[in-house]
Amino acid sequence: MVAPLADRRSSTLRAPDAPPPRGGRSSFIERALQVMDHLQATAKPTTAYDIARSISAPVSTVYLVTEELVRQRMLARNAAGEIWLGPRLFHYGLAYASSIDVLTVATDQMHALSRSIGETVQLCGRDEDRMVVMALAIGPGAKRVPTRIGARVPLNWTASGRLLVGHLPMAERIAVFQRSARPSPTGRAGTDAASLAQAAGDALAERLAMQVGESDFAVGCIAAPIRAADGSCLATISIVVPDHKLHADPTNFTGAVQQAALAIEHRLGGSDGGLVG
């Protein structure tokens, strides 16, 4: 007996280690998200074949998904036949950004801080078990550093990543790091969940976190939390600099980044910037 079309499509689109399908449409959407996540992570156009190989999916399935996404303008194909994010996503991104008060309010402070210290400043948030760069400002004369809008890295690699979970109960922090902590490219980022959880709580209490060479060689970062009225960390503002500047005198940056974070909190939360403790 021939299986119904929906069943055949579901089995085709399902990854080898995926749970039982919930239907063809759900599987198609999940595979489409895999494709777009891969493009966002690699930050460069590529072929459907290379995408399929990278996400361990059948080539025929990825061709089917990418063709439909190109037709819907969610993806685009360049002259070389490579796939990249499409123009329709730009409009979604604008609509989403306009709805995020933190991002809207913080942008002015981010650019002001970048101009005043002459370095790269970024706003970061949490995307499940990853830290994501939401906005970026490059100061005059700033040395090029390996960061970009949309970059997502494990929470344990960055100063901001620790701050973003510092308000959670200790048990939750440990659970987050147990499932998400990964060795960094430099090998310097800690991976012990209990130690990371303690450091996260301490950093949020001190309203400051710093890392030097943990995620990238010769690069350091100093970050301050942007907190809500209930004390939770909504986002972070951070300064990314060559590591020798932090080794020389981190106080050049600590006060500036903390004041920027407080100014954002004040605009978001009114009296005392919504500060807690």
C-alpha atoms as a PDB file:
ATOM      1  CA  MET A   1       0.000   0.000   0.000  1.00  0.00           C
ATOM      2  CA  VAL A   2       1.360   3.461  -0.941  1.00  0.00           C
ATOM      3  CA  ALA A   3       1.687   5.911   1.969  1.00  0.00           C
ATOM      4  CA  PRO A   4      -0.368   9.120   1.832  1.00  0.00           C
ATOM      5  CA  LEU A   5       1.441  12.111   0.358  1.00  0.00           C
ATOM      6  CA  ALA A   6       1.661  13.917   3.722  1.00  0.00           C
ATOM      7  CA  ASP A   7       3.308  10.893   5.338  1.00  0.00           C
ATOM      8  CA  ARG A   8       5.796  10.497   2.496  1.00  0.00           C
ATOM      9  CA  ARG A   9       6.680  14.204   2.597  1.00  0.00           C
ATOM     10  CA  SER A  10       7.119  14.113   6.394  1.00  0.00           C
ATOM     11  CA  SER A  11       9.527  11.193   6.260  1.00  0.00           C
ATOM     12  CA  THR A  12      11.518  12.906   3.521  1.00  0.00           C
ATOM     13  CA  LEU A  13      11.914  16.151   5.443  1.00  0.00           C
ATOM     14  CA  ARG A  14      12.651  14.625   8.834  1.00  0.00           C
ATOM     15  CA  ALA A  15      16.262  14.611  10.011  1.00  0.00           C
ATOM     16  CA  PRO A  16      17.600  11.131  10.844  1.00  0.00           C
ATOM     17  CA  ASP A  17      17.643  11.816  14.600  1.00  0.00           C
ATOM     18  CA  ALA A  18      14.437  13.865  14.698  1.00  0.00           C
ATOM     19  CA  PRO A  19      11.380  12.839  16.718  1.00  0.00           C
ATOM     20  CA  PRO A  20       8.356  11.369  14.941  1.00  0.00           C
ATOM     21  CA  PRO A  21       6.882  13.879  12.457  1.00  0.00           C
ATOM     22  CA  ARG A  22       4.004  16.151  13.327  1.00  0.00           C
ATOM     23  CA  GLY A  23       2.992  16.452   9.706  1.00  0.00           C
ATOM     24  CA  GLY A  24       4.501  17.584   6.407  1.00  0.00           C
ATOM     25  CA  ARG A  25       3.973  21.293   6.963  1.00  0.00           C
ATOM     26  CA  SER A  26       5.602  21.282  10.412  1.00  0.00           C
ATOM     27  CA  SER A  27       8.594  19.357   9.106  1.00  0.00           C
ATOM     28  CA  PHE A  28       8.943  21.731   6.164  1.00  0.00           C
ATOM     29  CA  ILE A  29       8.954  24.747   8.501  1.00  0.00           C
ATOM     30  CA  GLU A  30      11.545  23.148  10.777  1.00  0.00           C
ATOM     31  CA  ARG A  31      13.816  22.419   7.832  1.00  0.00           C
ATOM     32  CA  ALA A  32      13.323  25.948   6.485  1.00  0.00           C
ATOM     33  CA  LEU A  33      14.402  27.348   9.849  1.00  0.00           C
ATOM     34  CA  GLN A  34      17.473  25.099   9.796  1.00  0.00           C
ATOM     35  CA  VAL A  35      18.416  26.510   6.410  1.00  0.00           C
ATOM     36  CA  MET A  36      17.986  30.139   7.508  1.00  0.00           C
ATOM     37  CA  ASP A  37      19.775  29.528  10.812  1.00  0.00           C
ATOM     38  CA  HIS A  38      22.709  28.075   8.902  1.00  0.00           C
ATOM     39  CA  LEU A  39      22.907  31.097   6.599  1.00  0.00           C
ATOM     40  CA  GLN A  40      22.704  33.489   9.531  1.00  0.00           C
ATOM     41  CA  ALA A  41      25.430  31.627  11.410  1.00  0.00           C
ATOM     42  CA  THR A  42      27.861  31.419   8.477  1.00  0.00           C
ATOM     43  CA  ALA A  43      27.074  34.970   7.277  1.00  0.00           C
ATOM     44  CA  LYS A  44      27.748  34.252   3.617  1.00  0.00           C
ATOM     45  CA  PRO A  45      25.883  33.001   0.538  1.00  0.00           C
ATOM     46  CA  THR A  46      26.271  29.319  -0.252  1.00  0.00           C
ATOM     47  CA  THR A  47      24.778  26.558  -2.370  1.00  0.00           C
ATOM     48  CA  ALA A  48      21.865  24.337  -1.489  1.00  0.00           C
ATOM     49  CA  TYR A  49      24.224  21.369  -1.720  1.00  0.00           C
ATOM     50  CA  ASP A  50      26.607  22.842   0.863  1.00  0.00           C
ATOM     51  CA  ILE A  51      23.702  23.728   3.150  1.00  0.00           C
ATOM     52  CA  ALA A  52      22.412  20.164   2.967  1.00  0.00           C
ATOM     53  CA  ARG A  53      25.833  18.773   3.813  1.00  0.00           C
ATOM     54  CA  SER A  54      26.284  21.191   6.727  1.00  0.00           C
ATOM     55  CA  ILE A  55      22.910  20.477   8.358  1.00  0.00           C
ATOM     56  CA  SER A  56      22.997  16.744   7.545  1.00  0.00           C
ATOM     57  CA  ALA A  57      19.832  16.870   5.447  1.00  0.00           C
ATOM     58  CA  PRO A  58      18.917  15.156   2.169  1.00  0.00           C
ATOM     59  CA  VAL A  59      20.027  17.299  -0.763  1.00  0.00           C
ATOM     60  CA  SER A  60      16.667  16.841  -2.498  1.00  0.00           C
ATOM     61  CA  THR A  61      14.878  18.115   0.588  1.00  0.00           C
ATOM     62  CA  VAL A  62      17.053  21.209   0.879  1.00  0.00           C
ATOM     63  CA  TYR A  63      16.567  21.986  -2.815  1.00  0.00           C
ATOM     64  CA  LEU A  64      12.806  21.737  -2.323  1.00  0.00           C
ATOM     65  CA  VAL A  65      12.876  24.004   0.739  1.00  0.00           C
ATOM     66  CA  THR A  66      15.208  26.617  -0.731  1.00  0.00           C
ATOM     67  CA  GLU A  67      13.274  26.829  -3.998  1.00  0.00           C
ATOM     68  CA  GLU A  68      10.073  27.569  -2.105  1.00  0.00           C
ATOM     69  CA  LEU A  69      11.774  30.121   0.141  1.00  0.00           C
ATOM     70  CA  VAL A  70      13.293  31.852  -2.890  1.00  0.00           C
ATOM     71  CA  ARG A  71       9.860  31.939  -4.512  1.00  0.00           C
ATOM     72  CA  GLN A  72       8.473  33.577  -1.363  1.00  0.00           C
ATOM     73  CA  ARG A  73      11.422  36.048  -1.252  1.00  0.00           C
ATOM     74  CA  MET A  74      12.508  34.750   2.148  1.00  0.00           C
ATOM     75  CA  LEU A  75      15.753  33.733   0.434  1.00  0.00           C
ATOM     76  CA  ALA A  76      17.456  35.081  -2.677  1.00  0.00           C
ATOM     77  CA  ARG A  77      19.744  33.538  -5.283  1.00  0.00           C
ATOM     78  CA  ASN A  78      22.724  35.488  -6.609  1.00  0.00           C
ATOM     79  CA  ALA A  79      24.287  35.379 -10.073  1.00  0.00           C
ATOM     80  CA  ALA A  80      26.522  32.479  -9.032  1.00  0.00           C
ATOM     81  CA  GLY A  81      23.485  30.435  -8.003  1.00  0.00           C
ATOM     82  CA  GLU A  82      24.239  30.723  -4.291  1.00  0.00           C
ATOM     83  CA  ILE A  83      21.525  31.123  -1.656  1.00  0.00           C
ATOM     84  CA  TRP A  84      21.326  34.054   0.752  1.00  0.00           C
ATOM     85  CA  LEU A  85      18.782  35.697   3.028  1.00  0.00           C
ATOM     86  CA  GLY A  86      16.036  37.422   1.071  1.00  0.00           C
ATOM     87  CA  PRO A  87      14.501  40.912   1.089  1.00  0.00           C
ATOM     88  CA  ARG A  88      11.300  39.827   2.806  1.00  0.00           C
ATOM     89  CA  LEU A  89      13.273  39.080   5.990  1.00  0.00           C
ATOM     90  CA  PHE A  90      14.502  42.674   6.077  1.00  0.00           C
ATOM     91  CA  HIS A  91      10.966  43.983   6.454  1.00  0.00           C
ATOM     92  CA  TYR A  92      10.229  41.469   9.208  1.00  0.00           C
ATOM     93  CA  GLY A  93      13.417  42.520  10.967  1.00  0.00           C
ATOM     94  CA  LEU A  94      12.462  46.195  10.837  1.00  0.00           C
ATOM     95  CA  ALA A  95       9.036  45.444  12.284  1.00  0.00           C
ATOM     96  CA  TYR A  96      10.552  43.342  15.060  1.00  0.00           C
ATOM     97  CA  ALA A  97      13.218  45.917  15.919  1.00  0.00           C
ATOM     98  CA  SER A  98      10.630  48.671  16.165  1.00  0.00           C
ATOM     99  CA  SER A  99       8.797  46.664  18.823  1.00  0.00           C
ATOM    100  CA  ILE A 100      11.815  46.223  21.111  1.00  0.00           C
ATOM    101  CA  ASP A 101      11.928  49.143  23.521  1.00  0.00           C
ATOM    102  CA  VAL A 102      15.360  48.235  24.849  1.00  0.00           C
ATOM    103  CA  LEU A 103      16.908  48.294  21.399  1.00  0.00           C
ATOM    104  CA  THR A 104      15.190  51.546  20.438  1.00  0.00           C
ATOM    105  CA  VAL A 105      16.109  53.321  23.653  1.00  0.00           C
ATOM    106  CA  ALA A 106      19.641  51.928  23.846  1.00  0.00           C
ATOM    107  CA  THR A 107      20.750  52.801  20.332  1.00  0.00           C
ATOM    108  CA  ASP A 108      21.457  56.471  21.112  1.00  0.00           C
ATOM    109  CA  GLN A 109      23.487  55.568  24.181  1.00  0.00           C
ATOM    110  CA  MET A 110      25.396  52.930  22.247  1.00  0.00           C
ATOM    111  CA  HIS A 111      26.474  55.400  19.575  1.00  0.00           C
ATOM    112  CA  ALA A 112      27.255  58.121  22.127  1.00  0.00           C
ATOM    113  CA  LEU A 113      29.473  55.745  24.107  1.00  0.00           C
ATOM    114  CA  SER A 114      31.216  54.566  20.961  1.00  0.00           C
ATOM    115  CA  ARG A 115      31.995  58.142  19.925  1.00  0.00           C
ATOM    116  CA  SER A 116      33.206  59.176  23.367  1.00  0.00           C
ATOM    117  CA  ILE A 117      35.642  56.295  23.894  1.00  0.00           C
ATOM    118  CA  GLY A 118      36.508  55.684  20.236  1.00  0.00           C
ATOM    119  CA  GLU A 119      35.900  51.938  20.480  1.00  0.00           C
ATOM    120  CA  THR A 120      33.402  49.330  19.270  1.00  0.00           C
ATOM    121  CA  VAL A 121      30.245  49.126  21.375  1.00  0.00           C
ATOM    122  CA  GLN A 122      27.578  46.472  21.105  1.00  0.00           C
ATOM    123  CA  LEU A 123      24.157  45.706  22.536  1.00  0.00           C
ATOM    124  CA  CYS A 124      23.591  42.043  23.304  1.00  0.00           C
ATOM    125  CA  GLY A 125      20.630  39.905  24.287  1.00  0.00           C
ATOM    126  CA  ARG A 126      19.865  36.303  25.041  1.00  0.00           C
ATOM    127  CA  ASP A 127      18.504  33.908  22.445  1.00  0.00           C
ATOM    128  CA  GLU A 128      17.752  30.768  24.459  1.00  0.00           C
ATOM    129  CA  ASP A 129      21.189  29.331  25.307  1.00  0.00           C
ATOM    130  CA  ARG A 130      23.135  31.797  23.191  1.00  0.00           C
ATOM    131  CA  MET A 131      24.165  35.420  23.372  1.00  0.00           C
ATOM    132  CA  VAL A 132      23.245  37.409  20.270  1.00  0.00           C
ATOM    133  CA  VAL A 133      24.622  40.774  19.107  1.00  0.00           C
ATOM    134  CA  MET A 134      21.558  42.975  18.508  1.00  0.00           C
ATOM    135  CA  ALA A 135      23.253  46.245  17.516  1.00  0.00           C
ATOM    136  CA  LEU A 136      26.746  47.559  16.912  1.00  0.00           C
ATOM    137  CA  ALA A 137      28.535  50.923  16.741  1.00  0.00           C
ATOM    138  CA  ILE A 138      32.154  51.310  15.663  1.00  0.00           C
ATOM    139  CA  GLY A 139      33.911  54.309  17.166  1.00  0.00           C
ATOM    140  CA  PRO A 140      36.339  56.584  15.319  1.00  0.00           C
ATOM    141  CA  GLY A 141      39.728  54.937  15.132  1.00  0.00           C
ATOM    142  CA  ALA A 142      38.514  51.661  16.636  1.00  0.00           C
ATOM    143  CA  LYS A 143      40.572  48.647  15.674  1.00  0.00           C
ATOM    144  CA  ARG A 144      38.575  46.085  13.744  1.00  0.00           C
ATOM    145  CA  VAL A 145      37.305  43.355  16.063  1.00  0.00           C
ATOM    146  CA  PRO A 146      35.580  40.051  15.173  1.00  0.00           C
ATOM    147  CA  THR A 147      31.971  40.935  15.940  1.00  0.00           C
ATOM    148  CA  ARG A 148      28.878  41.551  13.842  1.00  0.00           C
ATOM    149  CA  ILE A 149      25.163  42.111  14.226  1.00  0.00           C
ATOM    150  CA  GLY A 150      23.359  38.786  14.521  1.00  0.00           C
ATOM    151  CA  ALA A 151      26.390  36.871  15.795  1.00  0.00           C
ATOM    152  CA  ARG A 152      25.352  34.157  18.254  1.00  0.00           C
ATOM    153  CA  VAL A 153      27.823  32.493  20.616  1.00  0.00           C
ATOM    154  CA  PRO A 154      27.568  30.275  23.701  1.00  0.00           C
ATOM    155  CA  LEU A 155      26.789  32.192  26.889  1.00  0.00           C
ATOM    156  CA  ASN A 156      29.970  31.043  28.633  1.00  0.00           C
ATOM    157  CA  TRP A 157      32.237  32.670  26.032  1.00  0.00           C
ATOM    158  CA  THR A 158      31.357  36.269  26.836  1.00  0.00           C
ATOM    159  CA  ALA A 159      31.016  38.794  29.618  1.00  0.00           C
ATOM    160  CA  SER A 160      27.544  39.669  28.347  1.00  0.00           C
ATOM    161  CA  GLY A 161      26.499  36.024  28.272  1.00  0.00           C
ATOM    162  CA  ARG A 162      27.125  35.648  31.974  1.00  0.00           C
ATOM    163  CA  LEU A 163      25.270  38.852  32.831  1.00  0.00           C
ATOM    164  CA  LEU A 164      22.236  37.821  30.795  1.00  0.00           C
ATOM    165  CA  VAL A 165      21.509  34.850  33.060  1.00  0.00           C
ATOM    166  CA  GLY A 166      22.807  36.328  36.315  1.00  0.00           C
ATOM    167  CA  HIS A 167      19.322  37.107  37.636  1.00  0.00           C
ATOM    168  CA  LEU A 168      18.098  33.523  37.366  1.00  0.00           C
ATOM    169  CA  PRO A 169      17.950  31.313  40.471  1.00  0.00           C
ATOM    170  CA  MET A 170      21.203  29.438  41.040  1.00  0.00           C
ATOM    171  CA  ALA A 171      19.719  26.080  40.029  1.00  0.00           C
ATOM    172  CA  GLU A 172      18.481  27.526  36.728  1.00  0.00           C
ATOM    173  CA  ARG A 173      21.844  29.130  36.014  1.00  0.00           C
ATOM    174  CA  ILE A 174      23.595  25.816  36.576  1.00  0.00           C
ATOM    175  CA  ALA A 175      21.109  24.051  34.292  1.00  0.00           C
ATOM    176  CA  VAL A 176      21.632  26.652  31.564  1.00  0.00           C
ATOM    177  CA  PHE A 177      25.400  26.258  31.611  1.00  0.00           C
ATOM    178  CA  GLN A 178      25.236  22.463  31.912  1.00  0.00           C
ATOM    179  CA  ARG A 179      23.430  22.240  28.592  1.00  0.00           C
ATOM    180  CA  SER A 180      25.038  25.188  26.802  1.00  0.00           C
ATOM    181  CA  ALA A 181      28.660  25.682  27.910  1.00  0.00           C
ATOM    182  CA  ARG A 182      31.125  24.862  25.136  1.00  0.00           C
ATOM    183  CA  PRO A 183      34.911  25.150  24.796  1.00  0.00           C
ATOM    184  CA  SER A 184      35.829  28.406  23.055  1.00  0.00           C
ATOM    185  CA  PRO A 185      38.186  28.748  20.072  1.00  0.00           C
ATOM    186  CA  THR A 186      40.911  30.054  22.389  1.00  0.00           C
ATOM    187  CA  GLY A 187      40.326  27.370  25.017  1.00  0.00           C
ATOM    188  CA  ARG A 188      40.158  30.033  27.729  1.00  0.00           C
ATOM    189  CA  ALA A 189      36.406  30.137  28.378  1.00  0.00           C
ATOM    190  CA  GLY A 190      35.343  28.238  31.474  1.00  0.00           C
ATOM    191  CA  THR A 191      32.935  25.340  31.059  1.00  0.00           C
ATOM    192  CA  ASP A 192      32.236  24.265  34.653  1.00  0.00           C
ATOM    193  CA  ALA A 193      28.540  24.943  35.162  1.00  0.00           C
ATOM    194  CA  ALA A 194      28.668  25.633  38.894  1.00  0.00           C
ATOM    195  CA  SER A 195      31.575  28.074  38.570  1.00  0.00           C
ATOM    196  CA  LEU A 196      29.926  29.867  35.660  1.00  0.00           C
ATOM    197  CA  ALA A 197      26.637  30.116  37.530  1.00  0.00           C
ATOM    198  CA  GLN A 198      28.355  31.675  40.544  1.00  0.00           C
ATOM    199  CA  ALA A 199      30.310  34.092  38.350  1.00  0.00           C
ATOM    200  CA  ALA A 200      27.119  35.103  36.548  1.00  0.00           C
ATOM    201  CA  GLY A 201      25.355  35.994  39.780  1.00  0.00           C
ATOM    202  CA  ASP A 202      28.377  37.889  41.105  1.00  0.00           C
ATOM    203  CA  ALA A 203      28.791  39.843  37.876  1.00  0.00           C
ATOM    204  CA  LEU A 204      25.165  40.958  37.831  1.00  0.00           C
ATOM    205  CA  ALA A 205      25.370  42.023  41.483  1.00  0.00           C
ATOM    206  CA  GLU A 206      28.472  44.084  40.670  1.00  0.00           C
ATOM    207  CA  ARG A 207      26.840  45.382  37.480  1.00  0.00           C
ATOM    208  CA  LEU A 208      29.989  44.584  35.537  1.00  0.00           C
ATOM    209  CA  ALA A 209      31.613  41.649  33.741  1.00  0.00           C
ATOM    210  CA  MET A 210      34.872  41.371  31.841  1.00  0.00           C
ATOM    211  CA  GLN A 211      36.499  38.741  29.667  1.00  0.00           C
ATOM    212  CA  VAL A 212      39.875  38.834  27.972  1.00  0.00           C
ATOM    213  CA  GLY A 213      40.752  36.415  25.208  1.00  0.00           C
ATOM    214  CA  GLU A 214      38.036  33.917  26.084  1.00  0.00           C
ATOM    215  CA  SER A 215      36.145  33.985  22.792  1.00  0.00           C
ATOM    216  CA  ASP A 216      38.733  35.458  20.410  1.00  0.00           C
ATOM    217  CA  PHE A 217      42.484  35.826  20.589  1.00  0.00           C
ATOM    218  CA  ALA A 218      43.750  39.319  21.475  1.00  0.00           C
ATOM    219  CA  VAL A 219      40.218  40.651  22.057  1.00  0.00           C
ATOM    220  CA  GLY A 220      38.634  41.692  25.332  1.00  0.00           C
ATOM    221  CA  CYS A 221      35.173  42.836  26.348  1.00  0.00           C
ATOM    222  CA  ILE A 222      33.750  44.725  29.306  1.00  0.00           C
ATOM    223  CA  ALA A 223      29.988  44.725  29.774  1.00  0.00           C
ATOM    224  CA  ALA A 224      27.288  46.174  32.011  1.00  0.00           C
ATOM    225  CA  PRO A 225      23.715  44.915  32.423  1.00  0.00           C
ATOM    226  CA  ILE A 226      20.579  46.772  31.398  1.00  0.00           C
ATOM    227  CA  ARG A 227      18.156  45.730  34.117  1.00  0.00           C
ATOM    228  CA  ALA A 228      14.395  45.796  34.383  1.00  0.00           C
ATOM    229  CA  ALA A 229      12.493  47.022  37.440  1.00  0.00           C
ATOM    230  CA  ASP A 230      12.356  43.459  38.782  1.00  0.00           C
ATOM    231  CA  GLY A 231      16.148  43.130  38.602  1.00  0.00           C
ATOM    232  CA  SER A 232      16.263  40.845  35.559  1.00  0.00           C
ATOM    233  CA  CYS A 233      18.849  41.492  32.874  1.00  0.00           C
ATOM    234  CA  LEU A 234      17.054  42.654  29.714  1.00  0.00           C
ATOM    235  CA  ALA A 235      20.206  43.139  27.650  1.00  0.00           C
ATOM    236  CA  THR A 236      23.788  44.299  27.983  1.00  0.00           C
ATOM    237  CA  ILE A 237      25.905  47.116  26.617  1.00  0.00           C
ATOM    238  CA  SER A 238      29.558  46.254  26.133  1.00  0.00           C
ATOM    239  CA  ILE A 239      32.821  47.659  24.841  1.00  0.00           C
ATOM    240  CA  VAL A 240      34.933  45.388  22.634  1.00  0.00           C
ATOM    241  CA  VAL A 241      38.619  46.302  22.506  1.00  0.00           C
ATOM    242  CA  PRO A 242      42.057  44.824  21.861  1.00  0.00           C
ATOM    243  CA  ASP A 243      42.997  42.891  24.984  1.00  0.00           C
ATOM    244  CA  HIS A 244      46.112  44.947  25.757  1.00  0.00           C
ATOM    245  CA  LYS A 245      43.890  47.952  26.531  1.00  0.00           C
ATOM    246  CA  LEU A 246      42.042  46.026  29.223  1.00  0.00           C
ATOM    247  CA  HIS A 247      45.287  44.688  30.635  1.00  0.00           C
ATOM    248  CA  ALA A 248      46.705  48.227  30.760  1.00  0.00           C
ATOM    249  CA  ASP A 249      43.816  49.957  32.551  1.00  0.00           C
ATOM    250  CA  PRO A 250      40.247  48.600  32.517  1.00  0.00           C
ATOM    251  CA  THR A 251      39.030  51.583  34.558  1.00  0.00           C
ATOM    252  CA  ASN A 252      39.120  53.604  31.340  1.00  0.00           C
ATOM    253  CA  PHE A 253      36.038  51.620  30.321  1.00  0.00           C
ATOM    254  CA  THR A 254      34.265  50.399  33.460  1.00  0.00           C
ATOM    255  CA  GLY A 255      32.725  53.699  34.501  1.00  0.00           C
ATOM    256  CA  ALA A 256      31.741  54.617  30.960  1.00  0.00           C
ATOM    257  CA  VAL A 257      29.927  51.354  30.212  1.00  0.00           C
ATOM    258  CA  GLN A 258      28.156  51.315  33.574  1.00  0.00           C
ATOM    259  CA  GLN A 259      26.961  54.898  33.162  1.00  0.00           C
ATOM    260  CA  ALA A 260      25.652  54.085  29.685  1.00  0.00           C
ATOM    261  CA  ALA A 261      23.722  51.106  31.078  1.00  0.00           C
ATOM    262  CA  LEU A 262      22.270  53.239  33.892  1.00  0.00           C
ATOM    263  CA  ALA A 263      21.199  55.917  31.420  1.00  0.00           C
ATOM    264  CA  ILE A 264      19.346  53.312  29.359  1.00  0.00           C
ATOM    265  CA  GLU A 265      17.677  51.913  32.481  1.00  0.00           C
ATOM    266  CA  HIS A 266      16.587  55.403  33.525  1.00  0.00           C
ATOM    267  CA  ARG A 267      14.884  55.968  30.182  1.00  0.00           C
ATOM    268  CA  LEU A 268      13.231  52.566  30.328  1.00  0.00           C
ATOM    269  CA  GLY A 269      12.191  52.468  33.954  1.00  0.00           C
ATOM    270  CA  GLY A 270      11.926  56.018  35.223  1.00  0.00           C
ATOM    271  CA  SER A 271      12.955  56.517  38.856  1.00  0.00           C
ATOM    272  CA  ASP A 272      16.445  55.121  39.496  1.00  0.00           C
ATOM    273  CA  GLY A 273      16.327  53.412  36.109  1.00  0.00           C
ATOM    274  CA  GLY A 274      14.374  50.520  37.565  1.00  0.00           C
ATOM    275  CA  LEU A 275      17.356  49.501  39.647  1.00  0.00           C
ATOM    276  CA  VAL A 276      17.141  46.769  42.196  1.00  0.00           C
ATOM    277  CA  GLY A 277      19.668  46.428  45.010  1.00  0.00           C
END
